[in-house]
Structure formats: structure tokens, C-alpha cells
Amino acid sequence: MRTTLATALMLTAALGLAACDKKSEDKQQDAQAHAEQAQKKMDQAQDKVNDANKENAKAQDDANQAAAARAKEGTDAATPGSTMTAPAPAPETQAPAKN
């Protein structure tokens, strides 16, 4: 009777430990899935940052081209026979000095 009781107790303990191990395996798989999902999100975020940098570079190029065009138009206005007039200077807006 003692051997059957001891065997049943050991079998119950072994099954209990096996059940606990399965939960930890499930948690490990869940953790791995979350880590993969986080990595995908990080990759997507990096792609968006790269796209934004490309757009900023394009905007800077456009601004440089516009500045070059304005400079060229300014030199064209100074040539004789040109019908373009120079812009009027901005009025000074200083507050009167207090004594």
C-alpha cells in the first residue's frame, strides 16, 4: 500500500511540474511573439524616419533652387532693357527713443 501511495504521489507531483513547465513555455512563446512584433514596429518607425529625411532633403533642394532662381531674377532685373523693377525697401519700424 505504501508503494502504491508513494507512486501515486510521485506521479501527481510529476504531472504538476509538467503542467507548470507548459505554462512557462507558453509565456516564452508569447514573449517571443511580442518581441517580434516590437521589432516590426521599430522597423516601420525607422522607415518613416527615413522617408521624412528624404522629404526634408527634397524640400531643401527645392528651397535652394528657388533661392537660385530669385538671385538670377535679381541680376536679370539689373540688366539694361529689363522691364522688371527692384522691390521697394521695407520701411523702418523703430520705436521712438525715450528720454
N, C-alpha and C. Protein backbone atom coordinates (compact mmCIF):
# COMPACT_ATOMS: atom_id res chain seq x y z
N MET A 1 0.81 -1.19 0.00
CA MET A 1 0.00 0.00 0.00
C MET A 1 0.86 1.26 0.00
N ARG A 2 1.95 1.19 0.73
CA ARG A 2 2.83 2.34 0.76
C ARG A 2 3.44 2.60 -0.61
N THR A 3 3.77 1.57 -1.34
CA THR A 3 4.40 1.77 -2.64
C THR A 3 3.40 2.36 -3.63
N THR A 4 2.14 1.93 -3.57
CA THR A 4 1.16 2.49 -4.48
C THR A 4 0.88 3.95 -4.12
N LEU A 5 0.83 4.25 -2.84
CA LEU A 5 0.62 5.61 -2.39
C LEU A 5 1.81 6.49 -2.80
N ALA A 6 3.02 6.00 -2.62
CA ALA A 6 4.22 6.75 -2.99
C ALA A 6 4.27 6.95 -4.51
N THR A 7 3.92 5.92 -5.25
CA THR A 7 3.92 6.01 -6.71
C THR A 7 2.88 7.03 -7.19
N ALA A 8 1.68 6.99 -6.61
CA ALA A 8 0.63 7.92 -6.98
C ALA A 8 1.04 9.35 -6.64
N LEU A 9 1.67 9.53 -5.48
CA LEU A 9 2.13 10.86 -5.07
C LEU A 9 3.22 11.37 -6.01
N MET A 10 4.15 10.53 -6.40
CA MET A 10 5.22 10.94 -7.31
C MET A 10 4.66 11.24 -8.71
N LEU A 11 3.68 10.43 -9.13
CA LEU A 11 3.05 10.66 -10.42
C LEU A 11 2.31 12.00 -10.42
N THR A 12 1.61 12.29 -9.35
CA THR A 12 0.88 13.56 -9.23
C THR A 12 1.86 14.74 -9.23
N ALA A 13 2.96 14.60 -8.51
CA ALA A 13 3.96 15.68 -8.47
C ALA A 13 4.59 15.88 -9.84
N ALA A 14 4.87 14.78 -10.54
CA ALA A 14 5.47 14.89 -11.87
C ALA A 14 4.50 15.56 -12.84
N LEU A 15 3.24 15.21 -12.79
CA LEU A 15 2.25 15.85 -13.66
C LEU A 15 2.07 17.33 -13.32
N GLY A 16 2.13 17.65 -12.05
CA GLY A 16 2.03 19.05 -11.63
C GLY A 16 3.19 19.87 -12.15
N LEU A 17 4.39 19.30 -12.09
CA LEU A 17 5.55 20.02 -12.62
C LEU A 17 5.48 20.13 -14.14
N ALA A 18 5.00 19.11 -14.79
CA ALA A 18 4.89 19.15 -16.24
C ALA A 18 3.88 20.22 -16.66
N ALA A 19 2.81 20.36 -15.91
CA ALA A 19 1.82 21.38 -16.24
C ALA A 19 2.41 22.78 -16.06
N CYS A 20 3.22 22.99 -15.04
CA CYS A 20 3.86 24.29 -14.82
C CYS A 20 4.84 24.60 -15.93
N ASP A 21 5.58 23.62 -16.39
CA ASP A 21 6.53 23.84 -17.46
C ASP A 21 5.83 24.27 -18.73
N LYS A 22 4.68 23.71 -19.00
CA LYS A 22 3.96 24.07 -20.22
C LYS A 22 3.55 25.54 -20.18
N LYS A 23 3.13 26.02 -19.03
CA LYS A 23 2.75 27.43 -18.92
C LYS A 23 3.96 28.32 -19.17
N SER A 24 5.10 27.95 -18.64
CA SER A 24 6.28 28.77 -18.85
C SER A 24 6.69 28.75 -20.33
N GLU A 25 6.49 27.62 -20.99
CA GLU A 25 6.77 27.56 -22.42
C GLU A 25 5.82 28.48 -23.19
N ASP A 26 4.56 28.47 -22.79
CA ASP A 26 3.59 29.35 -23.44
C ASP A 26 3.97 30.82 -23.23
N LYS A 27 4.39 31.14 -22.02
CA LYS A 27 4.79 32.51 -21.74
C LYS A 27 6.02 32.90 -22.55
N GLN A 28 6.93 31.95 -22.73
CA GLN A 28 8.13 32.22 -23.53
C GLN A 28 7.74 32.47 -24.98
N GLN A 29 6.80 31.69 -25.49
CA GLN A 29 6.35 31.88 -26.87
C GLN A 29 5.65 33.22 -27.03
N ASP A 30 4.84 33.59 -26.03
CA ASP A 30 4.18 34.89 -26.07
C ASP A 30 5.20 36.03 -26.05
N ALA A 31 6.22 35.87 -25.20
CA ALA A 31 7.26 36.89 -25.12
C ALA A 31 7.99 37.02 -26.45
N GLN A 32 8.26 35.88 -27.08
CA GLN A 32 8.94 35.91 -28.38
C GLN A 32 8.07 36.59 -29.43
N ALA A 33 6.77 36.31 -29.42
CA ALA A 33 5.86 36.94 -30.38
C ALA A 33 5.81 38.45 -30.16
N HIS A 34 5.78 38.88 -28.90
CA HIS A 34 5.76 40.31 -28.61
C HIS A 34 7.08 40.97 -29.03
N ALA A 35 8.18 40.27 -28.83
CA ALA A 35 9.47 40.82 -29.24
C ALA A 35 9.52 40.98 -30.76
N GLU A 36 9.00 40.01 -31.49
CA GLU A 36 8.98 40.11 -32.95
C GLU A 36 8.09 41.26 -33.41
N GLN A 37 6.94 41.41 -32.75
CA GLN A 37 6.03 42.49 -33.10
C GLN A 37 6.68 43.85 -32.81
N ALA A 38 7.38 43.95 -31.69
CA ALA A 38 8.06 45.20 -31.35
C ALA A 38 9.15 45.51 -32.38
N GLN A 39 9.86 44.48 -32.84
CA GLN A 39 10.90 44.70 -33.84
C GLN A 39 10.29 45.19 -35.15
N LYS A 40 9.14 44.63 -35.53
CA LYS A 40 8.46 45.08 -36.75
C LYS A 40 8.06 46.54 -36.63
N LYS A 41 7.53 46.92 -35.47
CA LYS A 41 7.12 48.31 -35.26
C LYS A 41 8.33 49.24 -35.32
N MET A 42 9.46 48.80 -34.76
CA MET A 42 10.67 49.61 -34.80
C MET A 42 11.15 49.78 -36.24
N ASP A 43 11.06 48.72 -37.03
CA ASP A 43 11.45 48.80 -38.43
C ASP A 43 10.55 49.77 -39.19
N GLN A 44 9.24 49.70 -38.92
CA GLN A 44 8.30 50.61 -39.58
C GLN A 44 8.59 52.06 -39.19
N ALA A 45 8.89 52.28 -37.92
CA ALA A 45 9.20 53.63 -37.45
C ALA A 45 10.47 54.14 -38.12
N GLN A 46 11.48 53.28 -38.25
CA GLN A 46 12.72 53.68 -38.91
C GLN A 46 12.47 54.02 -40.37
N ASP A 47 11.60 53.25 -41.03
CA ASP A 47 11.25 53.55 -42.42
C ASP A 47 10.60 54.92 -42.53
N LYS A 48 9.73 55.24 -41.59
CA LYS A 48 9.07 56.55 -41.61
C LYS A 48 10.08 57.67 -41.39
N VAL A 49 11.04 57.45 -40.51
CA VAL A 49 12.08 58.46 -40.27
C VAL A 49 12.90 58.65 -41.54
N ASN A 50 13.23 57.54 -42.21
CA ASN A 50 14.00 57.64 -43.46
C ASN A 50 13.21 58.39 -44.52
N ASP A 51 11.91 58.11 -44.63
CA ASP A 51 11.07 58.81 -45.60
C ASP A 51 11.01 60.31 -45.28
N ALA A 52 10.90 60.63 -44.00
CA ALA A 52 10.85 62.04 -43.61
C ALA A 52 12.17 62.74 -43.95
N ASN A 53 13.28 62.05 -43.75
CA ASN A 53 14.58 62.64 -44.11
C ASN A 53 14.69 62.88 -45.60
N LYS A 54 14.16 61.95 -46.40
CA LYS A 54 14.18 62.14 -47.85
C LYS A 54 13.33 63.34 -48.24
N GLU A 55 12.16 63.48 -47.63
CA GLU A 55 11.29 64.62 -47.92
C GLU A 55 11.97 65.93 -47.51
N ASN A 56 12.64 65.93 -46.38
CA ASN A 56 13.36 67.14 -45.94
C ASN A 56 14.47 67.50 -46.93
N ALA A 57 15.16 66.49 -47.43
CA ALA A 57 16.22 66.74 -48.41
C ALA A 57 15.63 67.32 -49.70
N LYS A 58 14.50 66.78 -50.13
CA LYS A 58 13.84 67.31 -51.33
C LYS A 58 13.39 68.75 -51.10
N ALA A 59 12.84 69.02 -49.93
CA ALA A 59 12.40 70.38 -49.63
C ALA A 59 13.58 71.35 -49.62
N GLN A 60 14.71 70.91 -49.07
CA GLN A 60 15.90 71.76 -49.06
C GLN A 60 16.40 72.01 -50.47
N ASP A 61 16.37 70.98 -51.33
CA ASP A 61 16.78 71.17 -52.72
C ASP A 61 15.86 72.17 -53.42
N ASP A 62 14.56 72.03 -53.19
CA ASP A 62 13.60 72.96 -53.80
C ASP A 62 13.85 74.39 -53.31
N ALA A 63 14.13 74.54 -52.03
CA ALA A 63 14.40 75.86 -51.47
C ALA A 63 15.68 76.44 -52.08
N ASN A 64 16.69 75.60 -52.26
CA ASN A 64 17.94 76.07 -52.88
C ASN A 64 17.70 76.50 -54.32
N GLN A 65 16.89 75.73 -55.05
CA GLN A 65 16.59 76.09 -56.43
C GLN A 65 15.81 77.39 -56.49
N ALA A 66 14.87 77.58 -55.56
CA ALA A 66 14.09 78.81 -55.52
C ALA A 66 14.99 80.01 -55.21
N ALA A 67 15.93 79.82 -54.29
CA ALA A 67 16.84 80.90 -53.94
C ALA A 67 17.74 81.24 -55.14
N ALA A 68 18.17 80.23 -55.86
CA ALA A 68 19.00 80.47 -57.04
C ALA A 68 18.19 81.20 -58.11
N ALA A 69 16.93 80.81 -58.26
CA ALA A 69 16.08 81.48 -59.25
C ALA A 69 15.83 82.93 -58.85
N ARG A 70 15.61 83.18 -57.56
CA ARG A 70 15.42 84.56 -57.10
C ARG A 70 16.68 85.39 -57.32
N ALA A 71 17.83 84.78 -57.07
CA ALA A 71 19.08 85.50 -57.27
C ALA A 71 19.29 85.81 -58.75
N LYS A 72 18.96 84.86 -59.60
CA LYS A 72 19.10 85.07 -61.03
C LYS A 72 18.13 86.15 -61.50
N GLU A 73 16.91 86.13 -61.00
CA GLU A 73 15.93 87.16 -61.37
C GLU A 73 16.39 88.53 -60.89
N GLY A 74 17.04 88.56 -59.75
CA GLY A 74 17.56 89.83 -59.23
C GLY A 74 18.65 90.38 -60.11
N THR A 75 19.52 89.54 -60.64
CA THR A 75 20.58 90.02 -61.53
C THR A 75 20.01 90.36 -62.89
N ASP A 76 18.96 89.66 -63.33
CA ASP A 76 18.32 89.97 -64.61
C ASP A 76 17.64 91.34 -64.54
N ALA A 77 17.13 91.71 -63.39
CA ALA A 77 16.44 92.99 -63.24
C ALA A 77 17.41 94.15 -63.37
N ALA A 78 18.67 93.92 -63.05
CA ALA A 78 19.65 94.99 -63.10
C ALA A 78 20.21 95.21 -64.50
N THR A 79 19.95 94.30 -65.42
CA THR A 79 20.49 94.45 -66.78
C THR A 79 19.69 95.50 -67.53
N PRO A 80 20.35 96.24 -68.41
CA PRO A 80 19.64 97.27 -69.18
C PRO A 80 18.60 96.65 -70.10
N GLY A 81 17.52 97.31 -70.30
CA GLY A 81 16.46 96.84 -71.17
C GLY A 81 15.47 95.93 -70.48
N SER A 82 15.71 95.67 -69.23
CA SER A 82 14.80 94.79 -68.48
C SER A 82 13.61 95.61 -68.01
N THR A 83 12.44 95.02 -68.04
CA THR A 83 11.24 95.72 -67.62
C THR A 83 10.92 95.49 -66.15
N MET A 84 11.69 94.67 -65.48
CA MET A 84 11.44 94.38 -64.06
C MET A 84 11.98 95.51 -63.21
N THR A 85 11.30 95.82 -62.15
CA THR A 85 11.76 96.87 -61.24
C THR A 85 12.17 96.23 -59.93
N ALA A 86 13.07 96.85 -59.25
CA ALA A 86 13.53 96.35 -57.96
C ALA A 86 12.45 96.60 -56.92
N PRO A 87 12.32 95.72 -55.94
CA PRO A 87 11.31 95.94 -54.90
C PRO A 87 11.67 97.14 -54.03
N ALA A 88 10.65 97.80 -53.51
CA ALA A 88 10.86 98.97 -52.66
C ALA A 88 11.44 98.51 -51.33
N PRO A 89 12.30 99.34 -50.73
CA PRO A 89 12.87 98.95 -49.44
C PRO A 89 11.79 98.97 -48.36
N ALA A 90 11.96 98.10 -47.38
CA ALA A 90 10.99 98.00 -46.29
C ALA A 90 11.10 99.23 -45.39
N PRO A 91 9.97 99.77 -44.94
CA PRO A 91 10.03 100.95 -44.06
C PRO A 91 10.59 100.55 -42.70
N GLU A 92 11.29 101.50 -42.12
CA GLU A 92 11.87 101.23 -40.81
C GLU A 92 10.79 101.35 -39.75
N THR A 93 10.79 100.42 -38.86
CA THR A 93 9.75 100.42 -37.81
C THR A 93 10.44 100.36 -36.45
N GLN A 94 11.06 101.49 -36.09
CA GLN A 94 11.69 101.59 -34.79
C GLN A 94 10.82 102.44 -33.89
N ALA A 95 10.76 102.07 -32.65
CA ALA A 95 10.03 102.87 -31.68
C ALA A 95 10.84 104.12 -31.36
N PRO A 96 10.18 105.24 -31.13
CA PRO A 96 10.93 106.46 -30.80
C PRO A 96 11.68 106.27 -29.48
N ALA A 97 12.86 106.88 -29.42
CA ALA A 97 13.68 106.77 -28.24
C ALA A 97 13.06 107.54 -27.09
N LYS A 98 13.09 106.97 -25.91
CA LYS A 98 12.54 107.64 -24.72
C LYS A 98 13.68 108.33 -23.98
N ASN A 99 13.41 109.54 -23.48
CA ASN A 99 14.40 110.30 -22.74
C ASN A 99 14.36 109.99 -21.30
